[in-house]
Protein backbone atom coordinates (compact mmCIF):
# COMPACT_ATOMS: atom_id res chain seq x y z
CA MET A 1 -25.50 3.29 6.20
CA LYS A 2 -22.07 4.93 4.96
CA GLU A 3 -20.63 4.46 1.21
CA LYS A 4 -18.18 2.00 0.60
CA LEU A 5 -14.39 2.85 -0.64
CA SER A 6 -11.63 0.78 -2.06
CA ILE A 7 -8.42 1.10 -1.27
CA VAL A 8 -6.18 -0.86 -3.36
CA LYS A 9 -2.18 -1.32 -3.53
CA ILE A 10 0.44 -2.45 -5.76
CA GLY A 11 3.71 -3.92 -4.98
CA GLY A 12 7.21 -3.63 -7.38
CA ASN A 13 7.16 -6.05 -9.30
CA ILE A 14 3.53 -4.69 -10.84
CA ILE A 15 5.10 -1.08 -11.33
CA GLU A 16 8.43 -2.57 -12.90
CA ASP A 17 6.72 -4.55 -15.68
CA GLU A 18 4.17 -1.87 -18.45
CA THR A 19 1.78 -4.64 -19.30
CA SER A 20 1.16 -6.17 -15.81
CA LEU A 21 0.87 -2.49 -14.64
CA HIS A 22 -1.30 -1.65 -17.73
CA ALA A 23 -3.84 -4.69 -17.11
CA PHE A 24 -3.42 -3.90 -13.77
CA LEU A 25 -4.71 0.21 -14.02
CA LYS A 26 -7.12 -1.20 -16.25
CA LEU A 27 -9.40 -3.59 -13.40
CA PHE A 28 -8.65 -0.53 -10.90
CA SER A 29 -10.03 2.20 -13.55
CA ASN A 30 -13.15 -0.80 -14.21
CA LEU A 31 -13.42 -0.92 -9.82
CA GLU A 32 -16.69 0.42 -9.21
CA GLY A 33 -17.16 3.36 -6.48
CA LYS A 34 -14.47 5.42 -4.94
CA LYS A 35 -11.50 4.62 -4.81
CA ILE A 36 -7.60 5.24 -3.20
CA LEU A 37 -4.19 3.84 -4.77
CA VAL A 38 -1.41 3.36 -2.62
CA HIS A 39 2.06 2.35 -4.59
CA GLY A 40 5.39 1.41 -3.54
CA GLY A 41 8.51 1.46 -5.97
CA GLY A 42 11.33 0.62 -4.07
CA LYS A 43 12.72 -1.94 -7.11
CA ARG A 44 12.67 1.00 -9.49
CA ALA A 45 14.34 3.32 -7.06
CA THR A 46 17.32 0.80 -6.02
CA HIS A 47 17.87 0.78 -10.03
CA ILE A 48 18.20 4.38 -10.28
CA ALA A 49 19.91 5.18 -7.28
CA SER A 50 22.88 2.32 -8.02
CA LYS A 51 22.90 3.99 -11.72
CA LEU A 52 23.71 7.37 -9.35
CA GLY A 53 26.39 5.04 -7.57
CA ILE A 54 24.52 5.43 -4.56
CA GLU A 55 24.34 1.65 -2.45
CA SER A 56 21.13 1.18 -1.12
CA LYS A 57 21.48 -0.11 2.29
CA MET A 58 19.02 -2.97 3.35
CA ILE A 59 18.32 -4.61 6.99
CA ASN A 60 15.95 -7.24 7.17
CA GLY A 61 14.25 -6.52 4.16
CA ARG A 62 13.96 -2.88 4.95
CA ARG A 63 15.70 0.22 3.36
CA ILE A 64 17.51 2.23 5.32
CA THR A 65 17.33 6.45 4.28
CA ASP A 66 20.11 8.23 4.45
CA ALA A 67 19.49 11.79 3.03
CA GLU A 68 20.79 11.20 -0.35
CA THR A 69 18.47 7.91 -0.08
CA LEU A 70 16.00 9.87 0.70
CA GLU A 71 16.14 12.77 -2.39
CA VAL A 72 16.47 9.28 -4.58
CA ILE A 73 12.71 7.66 -3.07
CA THR A 74 11.32 11.25 -3.74
CA MET A 75 12.54 11.21 -7.21
CA VAL A 76 10.97 7.99 -8.15
CA TYR A 77 8.32 7.29 -5.61
CA GLY A 78 6.93 10.61 -5.54
CA GLY A 79 7.96 11.74 -9.56
CA LEU A 80 8.36 9.32 -11.56
CA VAL A 81 6.02 5.95 -10.77
CA ASN A 82 3.85 8.45 -9.36
CA LYS A 83 2.92 10.78 -12.02
CA ASN A 84 3.71 7.62 -14.86
CA VAL A 85 0.96 5.96 -12.96
CA VAL A 86 -1.43 9.42 -12.96
CA ALA A 87 -0.83 9.60 -16.71
CA LYS A 88 -1.76 6.17 -17.89
CA LEU A 89 -4.65 6.35 -14.99
CA GLN A 90 -6.29 9.83 -17.09
CA ALA A 91 -5.15 7.35 -20.46
CA LEU A 92 -8.51 5.16 -19.00
CA ASN A 93 -10.27 7.77 -17.97
CA THR A 94 -9.78 7.80 -13.96
CA ASN A 95 -9.43 11.49 -12.86
CA ALA A 96 -6.39 10.22 -10.42
CA ILE A 97 -4.35 13.20 -8.46
CA GLY A 98 -0.90 12.13 -7.03
CA LEU A 99 -0.03 13.09 -3.41
CA THR A 100 2.93 12.42 -1.39
CA GLY A 101 1.76 12.76 2.63
CA ALA A 102 2.87 16.20 2.86
CA ASP A 103 0.28 17.19 -0.32
CA ILE A 104 -2.61 18.96 1.58
CA ASN A 105 -0.73 17.76 4.64
CA SER A 106 -2.71 14.22 4.75
CA ILE A 107 -0.34 11.68 6.22
CA GLN A 108 1.82 13.24 8.86
CA SER A 109 4.46 10.31 10.67
CA ASP A 110 6.86 10.87 13.44
CA LYS A 111 10.33 9.61 12.34
CA ARG A 112 12.06 6.35 13.62
CA PRO A 113 13.18 6.43 16.86
CA VAL A 114 17.03 5.00 17.08
CA LYS A 115 16.66 1.57 18.62
CA GLU A 116 19.03 -1.04 17.78
CA ILE A 117 19.09 0.59 14.21
CA ASP A 118 18.62 4.02 12.81
CA PHE A 119 16.65 3.42 9.26
CA GLY A 120 17.28 6.95 8.94
CA PHE A 121 14.42 9.19 7.48
CA VAL A 122 11.43 6.83 7.66
CA GLY A 123 8.48 7.32 9.12
CA ASP A 124 5.70 5.90 11.55
CA VAL A 125 2.22 7.41 10.36
CA LYS A 126 1.25 9.01 13.29
CA LYS A 127 -1.62 11.30 11.63
CA VAL A 128 -3.95 10.61 8.45
CA ALA A 129 -6.54 13.40 7.69
CA HIS A 130 -9.67 12.17 5.93
CA GLU A 131 -11.62 15.03 5.56
CA SER A 132 -9.24 17.08 3.47
CA ILE A 133 -8.55 13.32 1.37
CA ASP A 134 -12.51 13.61 1.08
CA LYS A 135 -12.74 16.53 -0.37
CA LEU A 136 -10.81 14.73 -3.01
CA ILE A 137 -13.07 12.40 -3.59
CA GLN A 138 -16.05 13.50 -3.26
CA ALA A 139 -14.54 16.41 -6.40
CA ASP A 140 -14.87 13.33 -8.16
CA PHE A 141 -10.54 12.76 -7.98
CA THR A 142 -8.82 9.50 -7.36
CA PRO A 143 -5.82 10.09 -5.01
CA VAL A 144 -3.04 8.20 -5.68
CA PHE A 145 -0.50 7.61 -2.33
CA CYS A 146 2.84 7.80 -3.22
CA ALA A 147 4.99 5.73 0.01
CA ILE A 148 6.64 9.19 1.42
CA THR A 149 4.60 10.96 4.16
CA HIS A 150 6.31 14.26 5.99
CA ASP A 151 6.30 15.00 9.52
CA GLY A 152 5.18 18.62 9.61
CA ASN A 153 8.27 20.28 10.46
CA GLY A 154 9.00 20.23 6.98
CA GLN A 155 10.86 16.78 6.68
CA LEU A 156 9.50 14.17 3.79
CA LEU A 157 10.07 10.67 5.49
CA ASN A 158 10.45 7.39 3.09
CA THR A 159 6.95 5.53 4.61
CA ASN A 160 5.98 1.51 4.26
CA ALA A 161 3.20 1.84 1.65
CA ASP A 162 1.38 -1.25 3.03
CA THR A 163 1.13 0.83 6.67
CA ILE A 164 0.13 3.70 4.05
CA THR A 165 -2.31 1.73 3.20
CA SER A 166 -3.57 0.06 6.21
CA GLN A 167 -3.70 3.78 7.62
CA VAL A 168 -5.33 6.07 5.48
CA ALA A 169 -8.23 2.82 5.23
CA VAL A 170 -8.42 3.30 9.29
CA GLY A 171 -8.41 7.07 8.68
CA MET A 172 -11.33 7.05 5.61
CA SER A 173 -13.04 4.52 7.30
CA ALA A 174 -14.60 7.39 9.61
CA LEU A 175 -16.67 8.08 6.79
CA TYR A 176 -17.20 5.26 4.51
CA GLU A 177 -17.05 1.84 5.03
CA THR A 178 -13.45 0.62 3.94
CA SER A 179 -11.99 -2.86 2.12
CA ILE A 180 -8.54 -2.90 0.97
CA TYR A 181 -6.75 -4.87 -1.33
CA TYR A 182 -3.14 -5.78 -0.91
CA CYS A 183 -2.45 -6.70 -4.91
CA PHE A 184 0.88 -9.18 -4.97
CA GLU A 185 2.18 -12.16 -6.98
CA LEU A 186 0.95 -14.74 -4.61
CA ASN A 187 -3.16 -15.59 -5.24
CA GLY A 188 -3.39 -14.77 -1.57
CA VAL A 189 -2.11 -16.25 1.75
CA LEU A 190 -1.47 -19.96 1.04
CA GLU A 191 -1.77 -23.15 2.99
CA ASP A 192 1.04 -25.10 1.09
CA VAL A 193 3.72 -22.39 -0.61
CA ASN A 194 4.80 -24.53 -3.30
CA ASP A 195 1.56 -24.44 -4.20
CA LYS A 196 0.19 -21.88 -5.79
CA ASN A 197 -3.94 -22.81 -5.88
CA SER A 198 -4.10 -23.68 -1.70
CA VAL A 199 -5.20 -20.35 -1.43
CA VAL A 200 -6.79 -19.56 2.16
CA LYS A 201 -9.74 -18.31 1.88
CA HIS A 202 -11.36 -16.84 4.50
CA ILE A 203 -9.26 -15.69 7.64
CA ASP A 204 -10.90 -14.74 11.08
CA SER A 205 -9.21 -14.36 14.49
CA GLU A 206 -9.45 -17.65 14.80
CA LYS A 207 -8.47 -19.29 12.03
CA TYR A 208 -4.93 -16.46 12.18
CA GLN A 209 -4.32 -18.46 15.83
CA ASP A 210 -5.10 -21.76 13.83
CA LEU A 211 -2.30 -20.84 10.73
CA LEU A 212 -0.23 -19.40 13.55
CA LYS A 213 0.38 -22.33 15.43
CA GLN A 214 0.48 -24.59 12.32
CA GLY A 215 3.25 -22.55 11.51
CA ILE A 216 1.68 -22.19 7.61
CA ILE A 217 1.74 -17.71 8.55
CA ALA A 218 5.37 -17.25 9.02
CA ASP A 219 8.28 -14.42 8.17
CA GLY A 220 7.48 -11.85 5.76
CA MET A 221 3.40 -12.66 5.85
CA LEU A 222 4.02 -12.42 9.74
CA PRO A 223 4.34 -8.41 9.78
CA LYS A 224 1.39 -8.08 6.55
CA LEU A 225 -1.50 -10.19 8.89
CA GLU A 226 -0.80 -8.34 12.01
CA ASN A 227 -0.84 -4.97 10.14
CA CYS A 228 -4.65 -6.43 8.85
CA PHE A 229 -5.83 -7.17 12.35
CA ASP A 230 -5.05 -3.86 13.86
CA ALA A 231 -6.65 -1.71 10.72
CA LEU A 232 -9.85 -4.07 11.14
CA GLN A 233 -9.85 -3.60 15.41
CA ASN A 234 -9.79 -0.02 14.19
CA GLY A 235 -12.56 0.56 12.04
CA VAL A 236 -12.37 -1.17 8.33
CA ASN A 237 -14.47 -3.77 7.26
CA THR A 238 -12.31 -6.04 4.84
CA ILE A 239 -9.26 -7.01 3.95
CA ASN A 240 -8.63 -8.79 0.77
CA MET A 241 -4.87 -10.56 -0.27
CA GLY A 242 -4.31 -11.73 -4.06
CA ASN A 243 -3.10 -11.10 -6.85
CA THR A 244 -4.67 -8.19 -9.54
CA SER A 245 -7.79 -10.37 -10.85
CA MET A 246 -9.20 -10.56 -7.95
CA LEU A 247 -10.54 -6.76 -8.52
CA THR A 248 -12.76 -8.31 -11.40
CA GLN A 249 -16.06 -10.55 -10.22
CA GLU A 250 -15.11 -13.34 -11.90
CA ASN A 251 -12.17 -14.07 -9.44
CA ASP A 252 -12.61 -15.92 -5.96
CA ASN A 253 -9.66 -17.44 -5.54
CA PHE A 254 -8.20 -15.06 -2.86
CA THR A 255 -8.13 -14.13 0.93
CA THR A 256 -10.51 -12.13 2.82
CA ILE A 257 -8.97 -11.39 6.50
CA THR A 258 -12.51 -10.24 8.79
CA LEU A 259 -12.51 -10.08 12.59
């Protein structure tokens, strides 16, 4: 029987707020067993780019990453945010190691091809070096990935943190029973967007089709859920979505997704 591995992703709003970040990292540190953390940092990057006089361009909620923006993202994601998170985890007795996908050649991507939109230096994950990542885990380090990968030819690429999370989980599923925790502001997938407690507690393939027909899963939730089912079909055991308190034993008000 495979050992369990938790892959946890946190988004921008938690990173932006020191109190929320500390509370989350405490929960993450207390999470039993082997684990990996993946973080974004887009809001901080936008704020610092603006201070430097660099305009952030977004299309359909996705960042256009030109050469200047990539420099800011590398500084913010790989430096400021990543090292801040690692230092706070060390204070909580979690021996974390901060990584981009270039470190130990852990995550290689292809630069996204230009179709209708040129997203610039944006990567689509091609390969996860699960055995290299496992060497860190076996040495009792907790990997902390920021949302940067590389193309194997010296080029860093801005890469969606949700996608990194699912692809790392898929890669690690060769060695572990992997579970993903997507932490965000909502309690989970909601039946009624105006009622934060209307959490759909369990979604399988059949329930997913039902929620699609009813229009309950729409807009930004669509790619998230598509990503989830893709990961489940490629070896991930379970996926959980909700606020950070789902990392505790006490809270069961979140969404679990299985096949």
